[in-house]
Amino acid sequence: LECFENIIREKLMISPVIHFDETGMKIEGKRHWLHVASNEKYTCYLPHSKRGA
């Protein structure tokens, strides 16, 4: 999956328009953040324990 994830990130990086969002959520009772980057074709979800990852 790492190779696939890198391909998606590369496709997003060359996109003229990218939407970014972060949403709080709980994982095992602890606050985490789901960072999202997307365009019209690709979406990358990156869960992280810190908001400003």
Protein backbone atom coordinates (compact mmCIF):
# COMPACT_ATOMS: atom_id res chain seq x y z
CA LEU A 1 0.00 0.00 0.00
CA GLU A 2 2.91 2.36 0.59
CA CYS A 3 3.66 2.52 -3.15
CA PHE A 4 -0.02 3.17 -3.92
CA GLU A 5 -0.15 5.93 -1.29
CA ASN A 6 2.92 7.59 -2.81
CA ILE A 7 1.31 7.55 -6.26
CA ILE A 8 -1.84 9.21 -4.90
CA ARG A 9 0.23 11.87 -3.12
CA GLU A 10 2.21 12.59 -6.29
CA LYS A 11 -1.00 12.93 -8.32
CA LEU A 12 -2.38 15.36 -5.74
CA MET A 13 0.83 17.42 -5.69
CA ILE A 14 0.62 18.16 -9.43
CA SER A 15 -3.09 18.96 -9.32
CA PRO A 16 -3.95 22.63 -10.00
CA VAL A 17 -6.63 22.53 -7.26
CA ILE A 18 -6.47 20.55 -4.00
CA HIS A 19 -9.01 20.56 -1.18
CA PHE A 20 -7.65 20.09 2.36
CA ASP A 21 -9.62 19.33 5.50
CA GLU A 22 -9.06 18.04 9.01
CA THR A 23 -11.68 16.46 11.20
CA GLY A 24 -11.41 15.45 14.83
CA MET A 25 -12.34 11.91 15.82
CA LYS A 26 -11.77 9.46 18.64
CA ILE A 27 -9.65 6.35 18.28
CA GLU A 28 -9.69 4.07 21.32
CA GLY A 29 -11.14 6.94 23.36
CA LYS A 30 -8.37 9.41 22.47
CA ARG A 31 -8.65 12.50 20.25
CA HIS A 32 -7.06 12.12 16.81
CA TRP A 33 -7.28 14.04 13.56
CA LEU A 34 -8.13 12.82 10.10
CA HIS A 35 -6.28 14.97 7.55
CA VAL A 36 -7.73 14.77 4.04
CA ALA A 37 -6.35 15.99 0.72
CA SER A 38 -8.40 15.54 -2.43
CA ASN A 39 -9.09 16.65 -5.97
CA GLU A 40 -11.68 15.51 -8.52
CA LYS A 41 -10.03 12.08 -8.94
CA TYR A 42 -8.01 11.24 -5.82
CA THR A 43 -8.42 11.35 -2.05
CA CYS A 44 -5.75 10.75 0.57
CA TYR A 45 -6.76 10.11 4.21
CA LEU A 46 -4.06 10.54 6.86
CA PRO A 47 -5.03 9.82 10.49
CA HIS A 48 -2.71 11.40 13.06
CA SER A 49 -2.62 11.92 16.81
CA LYS A 50 -1.83 15.65 16.42
CA ARG A 51 -3.79 18.35 14.65
CA GLY A 52 -0.86 20.16 13.04
CA ALA A 53 0.82 17.09 11.59
